Every structure is written in C-alpha cells, then in structure tokens.
PDB file of N, CA and C in Angstrom:
ATOM      1  N   MET A   1     182.260 103.367  87.168  1.00  0.00           N
ATOM      2  CA  MET A   1     181.777 104.528  87.877  1.00  0.00           C
ATOM      3  C   MET A   1     180.271 104.414  88.050  1.00  0.00           C
ATOM      4  N   LYS A   2     179.805 104.547  89.270  1.00  0.00           N
ATOM      5  CA  LYS A   2     178.396 104.417  89.568  1.00  0.00           C
ATOM      6  C   LYS A   2     177.697 105.763  89.434  1.00  0.00           C
ATOM      7  N   LYS A   3     176.570 105.758  88.767  1.00  0.00           N
ATOM      8  CA  LYS A   3     175.797 106.973  88.564  1.00  0.00           C
ATOM      9  C   LYS A   3     174.665 107.018  89.579  1.00  0.00           C
ATOM     10  N   ASN A   4     174.401 108.194  90.141  1.00  0.00           N
ATOM     11  CA  ASN A   4     173.256 108.343  91.032  1.00  0.00           C
ATOM     12  C   ASN A   4     171.980 108.296  90.221  1.00  0.00           C
ATOM     13  N   MET A   5     171.026 107.547  90.705  1.00  0.00           N
ATOM     14  CA  MET A   5     169.771 107.379  90.002  1.00  0.00           C
ATOM     15  C   MET A   5     168.715 108.307  90.608  1.00  0.00           C
ATOM     16  N   THR A   6     167.947 108.963  89.751  1.00  0.00           N
ATOM     17  CA  THR A   6     166.850 109.809  90.201  1.00  0.00           C
ATOM     18  C   THR A   6     165.552 109.017  90.071  1.00  0.00           C
ATOM     19  N   PHE A   7     164.829 108.895  91.177  1.00  0.00           N
ATOM     20  CA  PHE A   7     163.578 108.151  91.200  1.00  0.00           C
ATOM     21  C   PHE A   7     162.543 109.002  91.908  1.00  0.00           C
ATOM     22  N   ARG A   8     161.402 109.203  91.260  1.00  0.00           N
ATOM     23  CA  ARG A   8     160.340 109.944  91.934  1.00  0.00           C
ATOM     24  C   ARG A   8     158.964 109.480  91.500  1.00  0.00           C
ATOM     25  N   ILE A   9     158.072 109.475  92.466  1.00  0.00           N
ATOM     26  CA  ILE A   9     156.662 109.219  92.183  1.00  0.00           C
ATOM     27  C   ILE A   9     156.079 110.555  91.751  1.00  0.00           C
ATOM     28  N   ILE A  10     155.540 110.601  90.552  1.00  0.00           N
ATOM     29  CA  ILE A  10     155.001 111.851  90.029  1.00  0.00           C
ATOM     30  C   ILE A  10     153.596 112.076  90.561  1.00  0.00           C
ATOM     31  N   LYS A  11     152.775 111.031  90.461  1.00  0.00           N
ATOM     32  CA  LYS A  11     151.372 111.181  90.818  1.00  0.00           C
ATOM     33  C   LYS A  11     150.776 109.802  91.085  1.00  0.00           C
ATOM     34  N   VAL A  12     149.855 109.741  92.036  1.00  0.00           N
ATOM     35  CA  VAL A  12     149.075 108.536  92.287  1.00  0.00           C
ATOM     36  C   VAL A  12     147.621 108.948  92.086  1.00  0.00           C
ATOM     37  N   LEU A  13     146.906 108.207  91.240  1.00  0.00           N
ATOM     38  CA  LEU A  13     145.525 108.577  90.948  1.00  0.00           C
ATOM     39  C   LEU A  13     144.669 107.347  90.733  1.00  0.00           C
ATOM     40  N   LYS A  14     143.368 107.574  90.677  1.00  0.00           N
ATOM     41  CA  LYS A  14     142.426 106.505  90.347  1.00  0.00           C
ATOM     42  C   LYS A  14     141.744 106.894  89.045  1.00  0.00           C
ATOM     43  N   TYR A  15     141.620 105.922  88.167  1.00  0.00           N
ATOM     44  CA  TYR A  15     140.923 106.138  86.903  1.00  0.00           C
ATOM     45  C   TYR A  15     140.000 104.951  86.684  1.00  0.00           C
ATOM     46  N   ARG A  16     138.713 105.217  86.576  1.00  0.00           N
ATOM     47  CA  ARG A  16     137.701 104.171  86.392  1.00  0.00           C
ATOM     48  C   ARG A  16     137.838 103.054  87.429  1.00  0.00           C
ATOM     49  N   GLY A  17     138.135 103.459  88.657  1.00  0.00           N
ATOM     50  CA  GLY A  17     138.231 102.513  89.759  1.00  0.00           C
ATOM     51  C   GLY A  17     139.557 101.777  89.861  1.00  0.00           C
ATOM     52  N   CYS A  18     140.520 102.112  89.016  1.00  0.00           N
ATOM     53  CA  CYS A  18     141.826 101.445  89.012  1.00  0.00           C
ATOM     54  C   CYS A  18     142.892 102.416  89.532  1.00  0.00           C
ATOM     55  N   ARG A  19     143.758 101.919  90.376  1.00  0.00           N
ATOM     56  CA  ARG A  19     144.850 102.735  90.919  1.00  0.00           C
ATOM     57  C   ARG A  19     145.956 102.838  89.871  1.00  0.00           C
ATOM     58  N   VAL A  20     146.500 104.052  89.704  1.00  0.00           N
ATOM     59  CA  VAL A  20     147.556 104.307  88.725  1.00  0.00           C
ATOM     60  C   VAL A  20     148.697 105.056  89.415  1.00  0.00           C
ATOM     61  N   TYR A  21     149.910 104.594  89.174  1.00  0.00           N
ATOM     62  CA  TYR A  21     151.107 105.237  89.700  1.00  0.00           C
ATOM     63  C   TYR A  21     151.932 105.739  88.527  1.00  0.00           C
ATOM     64  N   LEU A  22     152.214 107.028  88.510  1.00  0.00           N
ATOM     65  CA  LEU A  22     153.068 107.615  87.482  1.00  0.00           C
ATOM     66  C   LEU A  22     154.406 107.905  88.137  1.00  0.00           C
ATOM     67  N   ARG A  23     155.484 107.453  87.505  1.00  0.00           N
ATOM     68  CA  ARG A  23     156.793 107.676  88.110  1.00  0.00           C
ATOM     69  C   ARG A  23     157.860 107.954  87.064  1.00  0.00           C
ATOM     70  N   ASN A  24     158.947 108.521  87.563  1.00  0.00           N
ATOM     71  CA  ASN A  24     160.070 108.922  86.720  1.00  0.00           C
ATOM     72  C   ASN A  24     161.347 108.340  87.316  1.00  0.00           C
ATOM     73  N   ILE A  25     162.075 107.588  86.504  1.00  0.00           N
ATOM     74  CA  ILE A  25     163.355 107.013  86.906  1.00  0.00           C
ATOM     75  C   ILE A  25     164.377 107.435  85.854  1.00  0.00           C
ATOM     76  N   ASP A  26     165.242 108.365  86.228  1.00  0.00           N
ATOM     77  CA  ASP A  26     166.210 108.958  85.298  1.00  0.00           C
ATOM     78  C   ASP A  26     165.500 109.482  84.057  1.00  0.00           C
ATOM     79  N   ASP A  27     165.757 108.908  82.880  1.00  0.00           N
ATOM     80  CA  ASP A  27     165.103 109.405  81.661  1.00  0.00           C
ATOM     81  C   ASP A  27     163.908 108.553  81.249  1.00  0.00           C
ATOM     82  N   VAL A  28     163.414 107.719  82.155  1.00  0.00           N
ATOM     83  CA  VAL A  28     162.262 106.852  81.884  1.00  0.00           C
ATOM     84  C   VAL A  28     161.051 107.367  82.653  1.00  0.00           C
ATOM     85  N   PHE A  29     159.947 107.537  81.943  1.00  0.00           N
ATOM     86  CA  PHE A  29     158.670 107.882  82.550  1.00  0.00           C
ATOM     87  C   PHE A  29     157.778 106.663  82.371  1.00  0.00           C
ATOM     88  N   GLU A  30     157.151 106.201  83.455  1.00  0.00           N
ATOM     89  CA  GLU A  30     156.333 104.993  83.346  1.00  0.00           C
ATOM     90  C   GLU A  30     155.096 105.082  84.210  1.00  0.00           C
ATOM     91  N   TYR A  31     154.143 104.217  83.871  1.00  0.00           N
ATOM     92  CA  TYR A  31     152.969 104.073  84.717  1.00  0.00           C
ATOM     93  C   TYR A  31     152.852 102.621  85.134  1.00  0.00           C
ATOM     94  N   LEU A  32     152.269 102.431  86.298  1.00  0.00           N
ATOM     95  CA  LEU A  32     151.859 101.118  86.783  1.00  0.00           C
ATOM     96  C   LEU A  32     150.372 101.253  87.063  1.00  0.00           C
ATOM     97  N   ALA A  33     149.575 100.395  86.479  1.00  0.00           N
ATOM     98  CA  ALA A  33     148.125 100.432  86.690  1.00  0.00           C
ATOM     99  C   ALA A  33     147.684  99.074  87.226  1.00  0.00           C
ATOM    100  N   ILE A  34     146.860  99.110  88.248  1.00  0.00           N
ATOM    101  CA  ILE A  34     146.334  97.870  88.820  1.00  0.00           C
ATOM    102  C   ILE A  34     144.908  97.728  88.322  1.00  0.00           C
ATOM    103  N   ILE A  35     144.710  96.711  87.487  1.00  0.00           N
ATOM    104  CA  ILE A  35     143.422  96.489  86.843  1.00  0.00           C
ATOM    105  C   ILE A  35     142.969  95.071  87.181  1.00  0.00           C
ATOM    106  N   ARG A  36     141.847  94.988  87.906  1.00  0.00           N
ATOM    107  CA  ARG A  36     141.313  93.674  88.314  1.00  0.00           C
ATOM    108  C   ARG A  36     142.374  92.815  88.985  1.00  0.00           C
ATOM    109  N   GLY A  37     143.185  93.425  89.834  1.00  0.00           N
ATOM    110  CA  GLY A  37     144.193  92.691  90.595  1.00  0.00           C
ATOM    111  C   GLY A  37     145.467  92.358  89.840  1.00  0.00           C
ATOM    112  N   GLU A  38     145.584  92.801  88.606  1.00  0.00           N
ATOM    113  CA  GLU A  38     146.795  92.564  87.822  1.00  0.00           C
ATOM    114  C   GLU A  38     147.502  93.892  87.567  1.00  0.00           C
ATOM    115  N   ILE A  39     148.827  93.825  87.469  1.00  0.00           N
ATOM    116  CA  ILE A  39     149.615  95.038  87.229  1.00  0.00           C
ATOM    117  C   ILE A  39     149.940  95.156  85.743  1.00  0.00           C
ATOM    118  N   TYR A  40     149.609  96.314  85.195  1.00  0.00           N
ATOM    119  CA  TYR A  40     149.943  96.647  83.809  1.00  0.00           C
ATOM    120  C   TYR A  40     150.953  97.785  83.871  1.00  0.00           C
ATOM    121  N   ALA A  41     151.917  97.766  82.978  1.00  0.00           N
ATOM    122  CA  ALA A  41     152.939  98.815  82.984  1.00  0.00           C
ATOM    123  C   ALA A  41     153.407  99.108  81.568  1.00  0.00           C
ATOM    124  N   ALA A  42     153.842 100.326  81.381  1.00  0.00           N
ATOM    125  CA  ALA A  42     154.476 100.726  80.121  1.00  0.00           C
ATOM    126  C   ALA A  42     155.345 101.930  80.431  1.00  0.00           C
ATOM    127  N   HIS A  43     156.288 102.189  79.544  1.00  0.00           N
ATOM    128  CA  HIS A  43     157.172 103.325  79.784  1.00  0.00           C
ATOM    129  C   HIS A  43     157.578 103.979  78.470  1.00  0.00           C
ATOM    130  N   ILE A  44     158.058 105.195  78.605  1.00  0.00           N
ATOM    131  CA  ILE A  44     158.664 105.918  77.492  1.00  0.00           C
ATOM    132  C   ILE A  44     159.992 106.472  77.995  1.00  0.00           C
ATOM    133  N   ARG A  45     160.916 106.649  77.088  1.00  0.00           N
ATOM    134  CA  ARG A  45     162.219 107.201  77.451  1.00  0.00           C
ATOM    135  C   ARG A  45     162.363 108.552  76.750  1.00  0.00           C
ATOM    136  N   ILE A  46     162.612 109.572  77.536  1.00  0.00           N
ATOM    137  CA  ILE A  46     162.806 110.916  76.995  1.00  0.00           C
ATOM    138  C   ILE A  46     164.166 111.400  77.468  1.00  0.00           C
ATOM    139  N   LYS A  47     165.066 111.526  76.531  1.00  0.00           N
ATOM    140  CA  LYS A  47     166.423 111.951  76.871  1.00  0.00           C
ATOM    141  C   LYS A  47     166.487 113.470  76.970  1.00  0.00           C
ATOM    142  N   LYS A  48     167.265 113.919  77.919  1.00  0.00           N
ATOM    143  CA  LYS A  48     167.503 115.355  78.054  1.00  0.00           C
ATOM    144  C   LYS A  48     168.494 115.786  76.972  1.00  0.00           C
ATOM    145  N   LYS A  49     168.471 117.059  76.662  1.00  0.00           N
ATOM    146  CA  LYS A  49     169.440 117.586  75.705  1.00  0.00           C
ATOM    147  C   LYS A  49     170.835 117.480  76.298  1.00  0.00           C
ATOM    148  N   PHE A  50     171.812 117.417  75.450  1.00  0.00           N
ATOM    149  CA  PHE A  50     173.205 117.333  75.879  1.00  0.00           C
ATOM    150  C   PHE A  50     173.507 118.466  76.859  1.00  0.00           C
ATOM    151  N   PHE A  51     174.101 118.153  77.969  1.00  0.00           N
ATOM    152  CA  PHE A  51     174.452 119.091  79.040  1.00  0.00           C
ATOM    153  C   PHE A  51     173.255 119.607  79.830  1.00  0.00           C
ATOM    154  N   GLN A  52     172.054 119.109  79.556  1.00  0.00           N
ATOM    155  CA  GLN A  52     170.881 119.526  80.317  1.00  0.00           C
ATOM    156  C   GLN A  52     170.789 118.631  81.551  1.00  0.00           C
ATOM    157  N   LYS A  53     170.778 119.229  82.748  1.00  0.00           N
ATOM    158  CA  LYS A  53     170.773 118.444  83.981  1.00  0.00           C
ATOM    159  C   LYS A  53     169.366 118.037  84.408  1.00  0.00           C
ATOM    160  N   GLU A  54     168.402 118.905  84.211  1.00  0.00           N
ATOM    161  CA  GLU A  54     167.018 118.644  84.617  1.00  0.00           C
ATOM    162  C   GLU A  54     166.091 118.863  83.421  1.00  0.00           C
ATOM    163  N   TYR A  55     164.921 118.241  83.490  1.00  0.00           N
ATOM    164  CA  TYR A  55     163.903 118.499  82.475  1.00  0.00           C
ATOM    165  C   TYR A  55     163.332 119.893  82.710  1.00  0.00           C
ATOM    166  N   THR A  56     162.963 120.557  81.628  1.00  0.00           N
ATOM    167  CA  THR A  56     162.252 121.827  81.793  1.00  0.00           C
ATOM    168  C   THR A  56     160.851 121.494  82.285  1.00  0.00           C
ATOM    169  N   LYS A  57     160.162 122.492  82.797  1.00  0.00           N
ATOM    170  CA  LYS A  57     158.791 122.287  83.284  1.00  0.00           C
ATOM    171  C   LYS A  57     157.901 121.770  82.158  1.00  0.00           C
ATOM    172  N   VAL A  58     158.044 122.324  80.977  1.00  0.00           N
ATOM    173  CA  VAL A  58     157.232 121.909  79.819  1.00  0.00           C
ATOM    174  C   VAL A  58     157.535 120.452  79.439  1.00  0.00           C
ATOM    175  N   GLN A  59     158.806 120.079  79.388  1.00  0.00           N
ATOM    176  CA  GLN A  59     159.180 118.699  79.057  1.00  0.00           C
ATOM    177  C   GLN A  59     158.580 117.723  80.079  1.00  0.00           C
ATOM    178  N   PHE A  60     158.712 118.066  81.351  1.00  0.00           N
ATOM    179  CA  PHE A  60     158.232 117.193  82.413  1.00  0.00           C
ATOM    180  C   PHE A  60     156.712 117.058  82.349  1.00  0.00           C
ATOM    181  N   GLU A  61     156.000 118.159  82.150  1.00  0.00           N
ATOM    182  CA  GLU A  61     154.535 118.122  82.068  1.00  0.00           C
ATOM    183  C   GLU A  61     154.065 117.325  80.851  1.00  0.00           C
ATOM    184  N   LYS A  62     154.734 117.473  79.714  1.00  0.00           N
ATOM    185  CA  LYS A  62     154.353 116.718  78.517  1.00  0.00           C
ATOM    186  C   LYS A  62     154.577 115.228  78.714  1.00  0.00           C
ATOM    187  N   ALA A  63     155.708 114.849  79.289  1.00  0.00           N
ATOM    188  CA  ALA A  63     155.995 113.440  79.538  1.00  0.00           C
ATOM    189  C   ALA A  63     154.971 112.848  80.498  1.00  0.00           C
ATOM    190  N   THR A  64     154.639 113.593  81.546  1.00  0.00           N
ATOM    191  CA  THR A  64     153.643 113.131  82.510  1.00  0.00           C
ATOM    192  C   THR A  64     152.282 112.970  81.849  1.00  0.00           C
ATOM    193  N   SER A  65     151.912 113.908  81.012  1.00  0.00           N
ATOM    194  CA  SER A  65     150.633 113.844  80.297  1.00  0.00           C
ATOM    195  C   SER A  65     150.577 112.623  79.372  1.00  0.00           C
ATOM    196  N   ILE A  66     151.664 112.345  78.698  1.00  0.00           N
ATOM    197  CA  ILE A  66     151.716 111.191  77.779  1.00  0.00           C
ATOM    198  C   ILE A  66     151.504 109.884  78.535  1.00  0.00           C
ATOM    199  N   ILE A  67     152.225 109.690  79.645  1.00  0.00           N
ATOM    200  CA  ILE A  67     152.078 108.415  80.356  1.00  0.00           C
ATOM    201  C   ILE A  67     150.717 108.312  81.045  1.00  0.00           C
ATOM    202  N   GLU A  68     150.155 109.443  81.441  1.00  0.00           N
ATOM    203  CA  GLU A  68     148.810 109.409  82.034  1.00  0.00           C
ATOM    204  C   GLU A  68     147.784 108.972  80.990  1.00  0.00           C
ATOM    205  N   ARG A  69     147.886 109.508  79.779  1.00  0.00           N
ATOM    206  CA  ARG A  69     146.975 109.099  78.696  1.00  0.00           C
ATOM    207  C   ARG A  69     147.192 107.636  78.312  1.00  0.00           C
ATOM    208  N   MET A  70     148.448 107.186  78.340  1.00  0.00           N
ATOM    209  CA  MET A  70     148.734 105.773  78.053  1.00  0.00           C
ATOM    210  C   MET A  70     148.054 104.882  79.081  1.00  0.00           C
ATOM    211  N   ALA A  71     148.134 105.255  80.350  1.00  0.00           N
ATOM    212  CA  ALA A  71     147.507 104.477  81.423  1.00  0.00           C
ATOM    213  C   ALA A  71     145.991 104.452  81.235  1.00  0.00           C
ATOM    214  N   GLU A  72     145.407 105.580  80.934  1.00  0.00           N
ATOM    215  CA  GLU A  72     143.956 105.648  80.717  1.00  0.00           C
ATOM    216  C   GLU A  72     143.530 104.753  79.554  1.00  0.00           C
ATOM    217  N   ALA A  73     144.273 104.787  78.466  1.00  0.00           N
ATOM    218  CA  ALA A  73     143.950 103.948  77.302  1.00  0.00           C
ATOM    219  C   ALA A  73     144.074 102.467  77.646  1.00  0.00           C
ATOM    220  N   THR A  74     145.093 102.107  78.406  1.00  0.00           N
ATOM    221  CA  THR A  74     145.278 100.714  78.815  1.00  0.00           C
ATOM    222  C   THR A  74     144.120 100.251  79.675  1.00  0.00           C
ATOM    223  N   ILE A  75     143.711 101.071  80.627  1.00  0.00           N
ATOM    224  CA  ILE A  75     142.600 100.720  81.513  1.00  0.00           C
ATOM    225  C   ILE A  75     141.316 100.555  80.719  1.00  0.00           C
ATOM    226  N   GLU A  76     141.038 101.497  79.847  1.00  0.00           N
ATOM    227  CA  GLU A  76     139.818 101.406  79.032  1.00  0.00           C
ATOM    228  C   GLU A  76     139.837 100.161  78.160  1.00  0.00           C
ATOM    229  N   ASN A  77     140.968  99.848  77.580  1.00  0.00           N
ATOM    230  CA  ASN A  77     141.082  98.662  76.746  1.00  0.00           C
ATOM    231  C   ASN A  77     140.884  97.377  77.575  1.00  0.00           C
ATOM    232  N   ALA A  78     141.531  97.324  78.736  1.00  0.00           N
ATOM    233  CA  ALA A  78     141.435  96.120  79.588  1.00  0.00           C
ATOM    234  C   ALA A  78     140.024  95.929  80.115  1.00  0.00           C
ATOM    235  N   LEU A  79     139.301  97.027  80.355  1.00  0.00           N
ATOM    236  CA  LEU A  79     137.938  96.942  80.865  1.00  0.00           C
ATOM    237  C   LEU A  79     136.893  96.830  79.753  1.00  0.00           C
ATOM    238  N   GLY A  80     137.348  96.927  78.501  1.00  0.00           N
ATOM    239  CA  GLY A  80     136.440  96.817  77.362  1.00  0.00           C
ATOM    240  C   GLY A  80     135.599  98.060  77.130  1.00  0.00           C
ATOM    241  N   ILE A  81     136.113  99.203  77.550  1.00  0.00           N
ATOM    242  CA  ILE A  81     135.416 100.480  77.357  1.00  0.00           C
ATOM    243  C   ILE A  81     135.926 101.123  76.072  1.00  0.00           C
ATOM    244  N   LYS A  82     134.985 101.618  75.257  1.00  0.00           N
ATOM    245  CA  LYS A  82     135.394 102.220  74.002  1.00  0.00           C
ATOM    246  C   LYS A  82     135.473 103.706  74.087  1.00  0.00           C
TER     247      LYS A  82
END
C-alpha cells in the first residue's frame, strides 16, 4: 500500500551570506545550507502522536526553530565563527 507523502518548503532564508532551505517531509524536518558552494544538510524526525493527522502549531513552530538553529550553528562552524 502506497502512502501519500507530505512535502513542503517551510522557509528560505539567508544567514551570514549563505542560503538556507528549511523543509518538512512527512515526519522529517531538515535544512539544506549552501556554504561556499557546498551543500550541508541535517534532519530531525518528530513523530506525531498516535491518531494525530497534523502537527499542532506549537509542534510545527518548535521543529522549525530547532532546524533553523541547527543550520545557523552549522554555518557558523563551517565559516569559523564563534
């Protein structure tokens, strides 16, 4: 049985001159950051509660905030900023 996949771009932003894409694919929240022409990525998986069809606004905002901070930390680390 094939499951429909939910895919959405949450936000596109620039941080310290680097383009960052925040996206959500089913229960995975991830960022893609382009730093000096290279792509860096990381993700977190946040499962919904049993029988929960959508994330609550608070859950979605917290997940988005976490991956945004992860992207910022990665960029600062790659650029050697403390």
